[in-house]
Amino acid sequence: MARIVMKFGGTSVADIARIRNVARHVKREVDAGHEVAVIVSAMAGKTNELVGWVQDASKAEGSNFNIYDAREYDAVVASGEQVTAGLLALVLQAMGVHARSWQGWQIPLKTDTSHGAARIADIDGSFLIQRFSEGQVAVIAGFQGIAPDNRISTLGRGGSDTSAVAIAAAVNADRCDIYTDVDGVYTTDPRIEPKARRLARISFEEMLEMASLGAKVLQVRSVELAMVHKVRTFVRSSFEDPDAPGMGDFDNPPGTLICDEDEIVEQQVVTGIAYAKDEAQISLRRVADRPGVAAGIFGPLAEANINVDMIVQNISEDGSYTDMTFTVPSGDVAKALAVLEKGKEKVGYDVVQHDDGMSKVSVIGIGMRSHAGVAASAFRALSEKGINIRAITTSEIKISILIDGPYTELAVRTLHSVYGLDKQ
């Protein structure tokens, strides 16, 4: 007997028929003798609908501005997951499974006071563990907890993944299964490269890079939590037949295992290729090269909640001036330019230039630590395809390359092939 946490996303619980299918997955694990907690998202599209209602309700008459109480936002938006939890508990009960629904505050899952984007502070898993011993399945509303002000709080978009991993850690689960609309983690996006392969295993560090660099399979915070607490996490498909052969295999179920790199016997040099579109490049020309200039540029951008990514600095031959180039999400360009204009006199630069429509393509793999020439292979392959590189950043296990957006798919396919990821 093992203890398993199962998480199902919005598309997996989009209607009653799909909720019944989810219940069959849960019943399979219960019938195998496992202790089970289930974390659910709101039904597909419901969170957006609830957010829309909040925005409509909070508009002052004759105004186009949405200024609302974030605590009431959480009270409304958290209801989507509560509905799903109650419905799944009812379906499980109709199947003869001893189940009950839980809201975040009932566990309790305690958070900080950042309503709308709260971070988990503590989870007491003792109550859930007691119910496991009584043979009860806990069906938990994901994405939510309780703040110190005794109000419902939500964890931000994708927060149900974070709830699942955090609860798995709190109850010392043997594994956490994240069920979604894909059957695992692939070497790259199969929609771009049909030869992309599903990975049997991927390390926490690699998955964290993949998630932060554009892969949509898992939410970044959930991978961080899994890595910190060593929660073995499987990415699985909820749309496969719950009773198909192998679905109940505890040690090797179909999907991708995210685990410590010590569990990966044969490590590839490169594990996957990730990409992120809609990047923008901003360049400040002839910036006075003196101490504090970088802080004067990037401090105000951080205060404006603008995420700066790739940074490249070129110093003039005489050392008196520098060109500073960096990337931000395309949607933040106007705000970033306004912040830079406001600080122009203090920073001291001649001109600011920007280019929209950039893409960032990243090569990821823990095997890169011990192999030379990985970057050179990427640069050579892209050069042969006529793809110009705008900027480069590297870490121990990743290389990120900024290119013009129209070349994204070609770059992904080229790099996927050059590292042999399309081979079985």
Protein backbone atom coordinates (compact mmCIF):
# COMPACT_ATOMS: atom_id res chain seq x y z
CA MET A 1 0.00 0.00 0.00
CA ALA A 2 1.27 3.48 -0.90
CA ARG A 3 0.12 7.06 -0.43
CA ILE A 4 -0.61 8.88 -3.70
CA VAL A 5 -1.61 12.45 -4.49
CA MET A 6 -3.44 12.83 -7.83
CA LYS A 7 -4.00 16.20 -9.48
CA PHE A 8 -6.42 16.84 -12.37
CA GLY A 9 -6.44 20.07 -14.41
CA GLY A 10 -9.30 22.01 -15.91
CA THR A 11 -9.57 20.12 -19.21
CA SER A 12 -9.63 16.83 -17.27
CA VAL A 13 -12.72 17.96 -15.29
CA ALA A 14 -14.38 20.07 -17.99
CA ASP A 15 -17.81 18.44 -17.59
CA ILE A 16 -19.56 15.68 -15.67
CA ALA A 17 -18.54 13.01 -18.20
CA ARG A 18 -14.87 13.88 -17.72
CA ILE A 19 -15.30 14.05 -13.96
CA ARG A 20 -16.67 10.49 -14.12
CA ASN A 21 -13.56 9.48 -16.08
CA VAL A 22 -11.36 11.11 -13.41
CA ALA A 23 -13.28 9.15 -10.76
CA ARG A 24 -12.38 5.91 -12.56
CA HIS A 25 -8.68 6.84 -12.34
CA VAL A 26 -9.10 7.51 -8.61
CA LYS A 27 -11.06 4.29 -8.00
CA ARG A 28 -8.31 2.27 -9.74
CA GLU A 29 -5.78 3.46 -7.17
CA VAL A 30 -8.20 2.96 -4.26
CA ASP A 31 -8.98 -0.59 -5.41
CA ALA A 32 -5.22 -1.27 -5.48
CA GLY A 33 -5.17 -0.49 -1.75
CA HIS A 34 -3.51 2.93 -1.89
CA GLU A 35 -4.30 5.93 0.29
CA VAL A 36 -5.38 8.72 -2.07
CA ALA A 37 -5.74 12.50 -2.04
CA VAL A 38 -7.07 14.21 -5.17
CA ILE A 39 -6.45 17.87 -6.02
CA VAL A 40 -8.72 19.42 -8.66
CA SER A 41 -8.78 22.59 -10.72
CA ALA A 42 -11.87 24.50 -11.77
CA MET A 43 -13.73 23.16 -14.80
CA ALA A 44 -12.16 24.42 -18.05
CA GLY A 45 -13.03 28.07 -18.71
CA LYS A 46 -14.70 28.66 -15.34
CA THR A 47 -11.83 30.61 -13.76
CA ASN A 48 -11.79 33.04 -16.69
CA GLU A 49 -15.56 33.42 -16.36
CA LEU A 50 -15.29 34.14 -12.64
CA VAL A 51 -12.48 36.66 -13.20
CA GLY A 52 -14.68 38.38 -15.80
CA TRP A 53 -17.51 38.65 -13.29
CA VAL A 54 -15.16 40.21 -10.73
CA GLN A 55 -14.00 42.77 -13.27
CA ASP A 56 -17.54 43.64 -14.33
CA ALA A 57 -18.79 43.93 -10.76
CA SER A 58 -15.92 46.15 -9.64
CA LYS A 59 -16.23 48.81 -12.33
CA ALA A 60 -17.49 52.11 -11.02
CA GLU A 61 -20.39 53.43 -13.10
CA GLY A 62 -19.08 55.30 -16.13
CA SER A 63 -15.50 54.08 -15.57
CA ASN A 64 -13.35 51.71 -17.62
CA PHE A 65 -10.98 50.95 -14.74
CA ASN A 66 -10.98 47.71 -12.72
CA ILE A 67 -9.94 48.44 -9.14
CA TYR A 68 -11.12 45.71 -6.83
CA ASP A 69 -10.54 44.25 -3.38
CA ALA A 70 -8.15 41.31 -3.93
CA ARG A 71 -9.69 39.50 -0.94
CA GLU A 72 -13.10 39.50 -2.59
CA TYR A 73 -11.46 38.49 -5.88
CA ASP A 74 -10.13 35.40 -4.08
CA ALA A 75 -13.51 34.68 -2.50
CA VAL A 76 -15.13 34.58 -5.94
CA VAL A 77 -12.40 32.92 -8.00
CA ALA A 78 -11.73 30.13 -5.47
CA SER A 79 -15.31 28.91 -5.89
CA GLY A 80 -14.47 27.24 -9.21
CA GLU A 81 -12.28 24.59 -7.57
CA GLN A 82 -14.79 24.12 -4.74
CA VAL A 83 -17.51 23.18 -7.25
CA THR A 84 -15.25 20.61 -8.93
CA ALA A 85 -14.21 19.08 -5.60
CA GLY A 86 -17.82 18.65 -4.52
CA LEU A 87 -18.89 17.13 -7.84
CA LEU A 88 -16.00 14.65 -7.90
CA ALA A 89 -16.72 13.62 -4.31
CA LEU A 90 -20.36 12.97 -5.27
CA VAL A 91 -19.38 10.87 -8.30
CA LEU A 92 -16.92 8.84 -6.21
CA GLN A 93 -19.57 8.24 -3.56
CA ALA A 94 -21.96 7.01 -6.27
CA MET A 95 -19.22 4.53 -7.29
CA GLY A 96 -19.00 3.22 -3.73
CA VAL A 97 -15.79 5.07 -2.82
CA HIS A 98 -15.61 6.64 0.64
CA ALA A 99 -14.79 10.25 -0.29
CA ARG A 100 -15.35 13.82 0.90
CA SER A 101 -14.44 17.23 -0.44
CA TRP A 102 -12.06 19.65 1.26
CA GLN A 103 -11.53 23.36 0.77
CA GLY A 104 -8.10 24.83 1.32
CA TRP A 105 -8.94 26.41 4.68
CA GLN A 106 -10.25 23.10 6.06
CA ILE A 107 -6.90 21.31 5.78
CA PRO A 108 -5.62 23.98 6.60
CA LEU A 109 -3.30 25.16 3.81
CA LYS A 110 -1.89 28.41 5.21
CA THR A 111 -0.55 31.15 2.95
CA ASP A 112 0.84 34.66 3.21
CA THR A 113 -1.32 37.75 2.71
CA SER A 114 -0.62 38.25 -1.02
CA HIS A 115 -4.21 37.74 -2.15
CA GLY A 116 -4.43 36.67 -5.78
CA ALA A 117 -0.85 35.39 -5.85
CA ALA A 118 -0.29 33.95 -2.38
CA ARG A 119 2.62 31.72 -1.42
CA ILE A 120 2.19 28.67 0.80
CA ALA A 121 3.47 29.20 4.35
CA ASP A 122 2.52 25.90 6.03
CA ILE A 123 0.35 22.80 5.64
CA ASP A 124 -0.67 20.57 8.53
CA GLY A 125 -1.20 17.15 6.94
CA SER A 126 -2.17 15.33 10.17
CA PHE A 127 -5.93 15.66 9.66
CA LEU A 128 -5.69 14.25 6.13
CA ILE A 129 -3.45 11.38 7.30
CA GLN A 130 -6.01 10.52 9.99
CA ARG A 131 -8.75 10.33 7.35
CA PHE A 132 -6.51 8.14 5.13
CA SER A 133 -6.32 5.65 8.00
CA GLU A 134 -10.13 5.54 8.00
CA GLY A 135 -10.14 4.63 4.29
CA GLN A 136 -11.36 8.02 3.12
CA VAL A 137 -10.34 9.68 -0.17
CA ALA A 138 -9.68 13.40 0.23
CA VAL A 139 -10.91 15.46 -2.75
CA ILE A 140 -9.24 18.85 -2.32
CA ALA A 141 -9.96 22.15 -4.04
CA GLY A 142 -6.63 23.23 -5.49
CA PHE A 143 -5.27 26.74 -5.99
CA GLN A 144 -6.46 28.01 -2.59
CA GLY A 145 -5.69 28.31 1.10
CA ILE A 146 -6.28 30.61 4.04
CA ALA A 147 -4.36 33.83 4.72
CA PRO A 148 -3.38 35.22 8.17
CA ASP A 149 -6.35 37.62 7.94
CA ASN A 150 -8.63 34.54 8.04
CA ARG A 151 -9.72 35.12 4.44
CA ILE A 152 -9.62 32.71 1.49
CA SER A 153 -6.47 33.21 -0.59
CA THR A 154 -5.55 31.95 -4.04
CA LEU A 155 -2.12 30.95 -5.32
CA GLY A 156 -2.23 32.52 -8.77
CA ARG A 157 -2.72 30.85 -12.15
CA GLY A 158 -1.41 27.29 -12.22
CA GLY A 159 -1.69 27.14 -8.45
CA SER A 160 -3.38 23.74 -8.40
CA ASP A 161 -0.09 22.09 -9.44
CA THR A 162 1.58 23.88 -6.54
CA SER A 163 -1.19 22.76 -4.15
CA ALA A 164 -0.74 19.15 -5.24
CA VAL A 165 3.03 19.03 -4.73
CA ALA A 166 2.81 20.90 -1.41
CA ILE A 167 0.15 18.53 -0.08
CA ALA A 168 2.17 15.53 -1.29
CA ALA A 169 5.11 16.83 0.73
CA ALA A 170 2.92 17.53 3.78
CA VAL A 171 1.46 14.00 3.92
CA ASN A 172 4.74 12.27 2.93
CA ALA A 173 3.20 10.84 -0.23
CA ASP A 174 5.12 8.20 -2.14
CA ARG A 175 4.45 10.10 -5.35
CA CYS A 176 2.43 12.91 -6.90
CA ASP A 177 0.66 12.23 -10.20
CA ILE A 178 -0.14 15.32 -12.28
CA TYR A 179 -2.83 14.36 -14.79
CA THR A 180 -3.18 16.69 -17.75
CA ASP A 181 -4.13 16.69 -21.44
CA VAL A 182 -0.70 15.38 -22.55
CA ASP A 183 0.81 12.02 -21.74
CA GLY A 184 4.16 13.23 -20.44
CA VAL A 185 7.09 15.57 -20.99
CA TYR A 186 8.52 15.59 -24.52
CA THR A 187 11.96 16.46 -25.87
CA THR A 188 10.28 19.49 -27.47
CA ASP A 189 6.83 20.66 -28.56
CA PRO A 190 5.39 17.84 -30.76
CA ARG A 191 3.33 20.44 -32.64
CA ILE A 192 6.58 21.88 -34.01
CA GLU A 193 8.66 18.70 -34.26
CA PRO A 194 6.62 15.52 -34.94
CA LYS A 195 9.71 13.45 -34.07
CA ALA A 196 9.69 14.71 -30.48
CA ARG A 197 9.87 11.82 -28.02
CA ARG A 198 8.25 11.35 -24.65
CA LEU A 199 10.84 11.23 -21.89
CA ALA A 200 10.65 8.36 -19.41
CA ARG A 201 12.47 10.43 -16.77
CA ILE A 202 13.67 14.01 -16.37
CA SER A 203 15.50 15.60 -13.44
CA PHE A 204 13.95 18.28 -11.25
CA GLU A 205 16.54 20.81 -12.46
CA GLU A 206 15.87 20.09 -16.13
CA MET A 207 12.10 20.29 -15.63
CA LEU A 208 12.49 23.57 -13.78
CA GLU A 209 14.43 25.00 -16.72
CA MET A 210 11.92 23.61 -19.24
CA ALA A 211 8.98 25.09 -17.30
CA SER A 212 10.60 28.51 -16.85
CA LEU A 213 11.74 28.67 -20.48
CA GLY A 214 8.40 28.06 -22.16
CA ALA A 215 7.25 24.45 -21.66
CA LYS A 216 3.62 24.57 -20.44
CA VAL A 217 3.38 21.09 -18.93
CA LEU A 218 3.95 22.14 -15.31
CA GLN A 219 3.84 25.37 -13.35
CA VAL A 220 7.30 26.61 -12.28
CA ARG A 221 6.48 26.94 -8.57
CA SER A 222 5.27 23.34 -8.41
CA VAL A 223 8.56 22.07 -9.84
CA GLU A 224 10.52 24.21 -7.34
CA LEU A 225 8.54 22.68 -4.48
CA ALA A 226 8.98 19.15 -5.82
CA MET A 227 12.75 19.70 -6.07
CA VAL A 228 13.06 21.16 -2.56
CA HIS A 229 10.99 18.42 -0.92
CA LYS A 230 12.14 15.56 -3.23
CA VAL A 231 8.56 14.75 -4.27
CA ARG A 232 8.67 12.15 -7.06
CA THR A 233 6.21 13.51 -9.62
CA PHE A 234 4.64 11.78 -12.62
CA VAL A 235 3.12 13.70 -15.54
CA ARG A 236 0.31 11.54 -16.95
CA SER A 237 -2.67 11.82 -19.28
CA SER A 238 -6.18 11.82 -17.85
CA PHE A 239 -7.58 10.92 -21.27
CA GLU A 240 -6.11 7.43 -21.40
CA ASP A 241 -8.40 4.53 -20.47
CA PRO A 242 -8.16 4.28 -16.65
CA ASP A 243 -8.29 0.49 -16.88
CA ALA A 244 -5.81 0.03 -19.75
CA PRO A 245 -2.88 -2.34 -19.14
CA GLY A 246 -0.09 -0.70 -17.19
CA MET A 247 -2.15 2.26 -15.91
CA GLY A 248 -2.06 0.82 -12.39
CA ASP A 249 1.66 -0.06 -12.45
CA PHE A 250 2.93 1.66 -9.31
CA ASP A 251 6.63 1.70 -10.18
CA ASN A 252 6.42 2.48 -13.90
CA PRO A 253 3.07 3.97 -14.91
CA PRO A 254 2.79 5.53 -18.37
CA GLY A 255 4.02 9.11 -18.40
CA THR A 256 7.18 10.97 -17.37
CA LEU A 257 8.78 10.75 -13.95
CA ILE A 258 10.30 13.97 -12.59
CA CYS A 259 12.87 12.95 -10.02
CA ASP A 260 16.31 13.53 -8.53
CA GLU A 261 19.08 13.15 -11.11
CA ASP A 262 20.52 10.25 -9.08
CA GLU A 263 17.54 8.18 -10.28
CA ILE A 264 18.45 8.74 -13.93
CA VAL A 265 20.96 6.02 -14.77
CA GLU A 266 21.79 7.00 -18.35
CA GLN A 267 21.95 10.77 -18.68
CA GLN A 268 21.69 12.38 -22.10
CA VAL A 269 23.91 15.37 -22.91
CA VAL A 270 20.82 17.31 -24.03
CA THR A 271 17.38 16.41 -22.70
CA GLY A 272 15.12 18.88 -24.49
CA ILE A 273 14.58 22.07 -26.48
CA ALA A 274 12.26 24.73 -25.07
CA TYR A 275 11.13 27.99 -26.64
CA ALA A 276 9.30 31.16 -25.68
CA LYS A 277 7.81 33.51 -28.24
CA ASP A 278 6.82 37.17 -27.83
CA GLU A 279 10.12 38.35 -26.39
CA ALA A 280 11.30 41.93 -26.98
CA GLN A 281 14.85 43.26 -27.09
CA ILE A 282 15.65 46.67 -25.64
CA SER A 283 19.04 48.35 -26.13
CA LEU A 284 20.42 51.44 -24.40
CA ARG A 285 23.20 53.03 -26.47
CA ARG A 286 26.24 54.90 -25.11
CA VAL A 287 25.47 54.50 -21.43
CA ALA A 288 28.06 56.14 -19.18
CA ASP A 289 30.13 53.27 -17.75
CA ARG A 290 30.27 53.98 -14.03
CA PRO A 291 29.40 52.15 -10.79
CA GLY A 292 25.66 51.95 -10.09
CA VAL A 293 24.51 52.28 -13.70
CA ALA A 294 23.16 48.72 -13.90
CA ALA A 295 21.25 49.22 -10.64
CA GLY A 296 19.87 52.51 -11.98
CA ILE A 297 18.51 50.67 -15.05
CA PHE A 298 17.26 47.38 -13.64
CA GLY A 299 16.15 48.54 -10.18
CA PRO A 300 13.25 50.69 -11.46
CA LEU A 301 12.28 47.94 -13.94
CA ALA A 302 12.05 45.43 -11.07
CA GLU A 303 9.99 47.88 -9.02
CA ALA A 304 7.59 48.10 -11.97
CA ASN A 305 7.28 44.26 -11.91
CA ILE A 306 8.90 43.94 -15.34
CA ASN A 307 10.70 40.62 -15.74
CA VAL A 308 14.11 41.21 -17.35
CA ASP A 309 15.70 38.10 -18.78
CA MET A 310 18.76 38.04 -21.06
CA ILE A 311 21.29 40.82 -20.40
CA VAL A 312 24.26 41.61 -22.65
CA GLN A 313 26.74 44.43 -22.02
CA ASN A 314 29.28 45.74 -24.55
CA ILE A 315 31.92 48.19 -23.27
CA SER A 316 33.52 50.70 -25.64
CA GLU A 317 37.20 50.42 -26.51
CA ASP A 318 38.20 53.27 -24.19
CA GLY A 319 35.98 51.98 -21.37
CA SER A 320 33.97 55.17 -21.00
CA TYR A 321 30.69 53.98 -22.50
CA THR A 322 28.71 50.78 -22.65
CA ASP A 323 25.75 49.45 -24.64
CA MET A 324 23.23 47.60 -22.47
CA THR A 325 20.89 45.11 -24.17
CA PHE A 326 18.23 43.01 -22.42
CA THR A 327 14.94 41.24 -23.08
CA VAL A 328 11.47 41.66 -21.58
CA PRO A 329 8.09 40.10 -22.50
CA SER A 330 6.61 41.88 -25.52
CA GLY A 331 3.59 42.92 -23.48
CA ASP A 332 5.82 44.90 -21.11
CA VAL A 333 7.70 46.93 -23.74
CA ALA A 334 5.64 50.12 -23.43
CA LYS A 335 5.86 50.04 -19.64
CA ALA A 336 9.62 49.35 -19.76
CA LEU A 337 10.24 52.22 -22.18
CA ALA A 338 8.27 54.58 -19.94
CA VAL A 339 10.36 53.55 -16.92
CA LEU A 340 13.61 54.01 -18.86
CA GLU A 341 12.54 57.43 -20.16
CA LYS A 342 11.72 58.54 -16.64
CA GLY A 343 15.21 57.59 -15.47
CA LYS A 344 17.12 58.81 -18.52
CA GLU A 345 18.72 61.80 -16.83
CA LYS A 346 19.90 59.73 -13.87
CA VAL A 347 21.23 56.81 -15.95
CA GLY A 348 22.63 58.86 -18.82
CA TYR A 349 22.22 57.23 -22.22
CA ASP A 350 22.04 58.58 -25.77
CA VAL A 351 19.19 56.59 -27.25
CA VAL A 352 16.95 53.60 -26.52
CA GLN A 353 16.07 51.10 -29.26
CA HIS A 354 13.70 48.16 -29.19
CA ASP A 355 12.68 45.21 -31.39
CA ASP A 356 9.51 43.19 -30.84
CA GLY A 357 8.76 39.73 -32.14
CA MET A 358 11.85 37.98 -30.79
CA SER A 359 11.93 34.35 -29.60
CA LYS A 360 14.12 32.62 -27.07
CA VAL A 361 15.14 29.04 -27.88
CA SER A 362 16.85 27.04 -25.13
CA VAL A 363 18.92 23.85 -25.08
CA ILE A 364 18.60 22.02 -21.73
CA GLY A 365 20.40 19.01 -20.25
CA ILE A 366 22.21 18.03 -17.04
CA GLY A 367 24.71 16.13 -19.21
CA MET A 368 26.03 19.49 -20.44
CA ARG A 369 27.95 19.83 -17.16
CA SER A 370 30.45 17.22 -18.25
CA HIS A 371 30.51 17.66 -22.04
CA ALA A 372 32.33 20.34 -24.00
CA GLY A 373 31.25 21.73 -27.37
CA VAL A 374 27.49 21.70 -26.77
CA ALA A 375 27.15 25.44 -27.38
CA ALA A 376 29.44 25.37 -30.42
CA SER A 377 27.23 22.70 -32.02
CA ALA A 378 24.15 24.91 -31.57
CA PHE A 379 25.80 28.01 -32.99
CA ARG A 380 27.17 26.12 -35.99
CA ALA A 381 23.83 24.44 -36.77
CA LEU A 382 21.90 27.72 -36.60
CA SER A 383 24.51 29.46 -38.74
CA GLU A 384 24.14 26.82 -41.45
CA LYS A 385 20.40 27.52 -41.52
CA GLY A 386 20.98 31.27 -41.85
CA ILE A 387 19.57 32.07 -38.41
CA ASN A 388 21.11 35.16 -36.80
CA ILE A 389 21.76 35.06 -33.05
CA ARG A 390 20.85 38.31 -31.24
CA ALA A 391 21.94 37.36 -27.70
CA ILE A 392 23.15 34.36 -25.71
CA THR A 393 22.94 33.41 -22.03
CA THR A 394 24.20 30.21 -20.44
CA SER A 395 24.11 28.30 -17.17
CA GLU A 396 25.45 24.92 -16.10
CA ILE A 397 22.61 23.03 -17.74
CA LYS A 398 21.15 25.39 -20.35
CA ILE A 399 21.97 27.62 -23.31
CA SER A 400 19.39 30.26 -24.30
CA ILE A 401 19.59 31.94 -27.69
CA LEU A 402 17.60 35.01 -28.78
CA ILE A 403 16.56 34.98 -32.45
CA ASP A 404 14.03 36.67 -34.74
CA GLY A 405 10.56 35.25 -34.19
CA PRO A 406 9.89 33.93 -37.73
CA TYR A 407 12.82 31.50 -37.34
CA THR A 408 11.50 29.88 -34.14
CA GLU A 409 10.19 26.63 -35.57
CA LEU A 410 13.19 26.15 -37.84
CA ALA A 411 15.56 26.72 -34.91
CA VAL A 412 13.69 24.25 -32.68
CA ARG A 413 13.70 21.53 -35.35
CA THR A 414 17.35 22.17 -36.18
CA LEU A 415 18.55 21.93 -32.58
CA HIS A 416 16.33 18.94 -31.85
CA SER A 417 18.00 17.11 -34.74
CA VAL A 418 21.60 18.22 -34.14
CA TYR A 419 21.56 16.72 -30.63
CA GLY A 420 19.98 13.48 -31.80
CA LEU A 421 16.75 13.94 -29.88
CA ASP A 422 14.70 12.66 -32.83
CA LYS A 423 16.36 9.24 -32.59
CA GLN A 424 14.89 6.41 -30.57
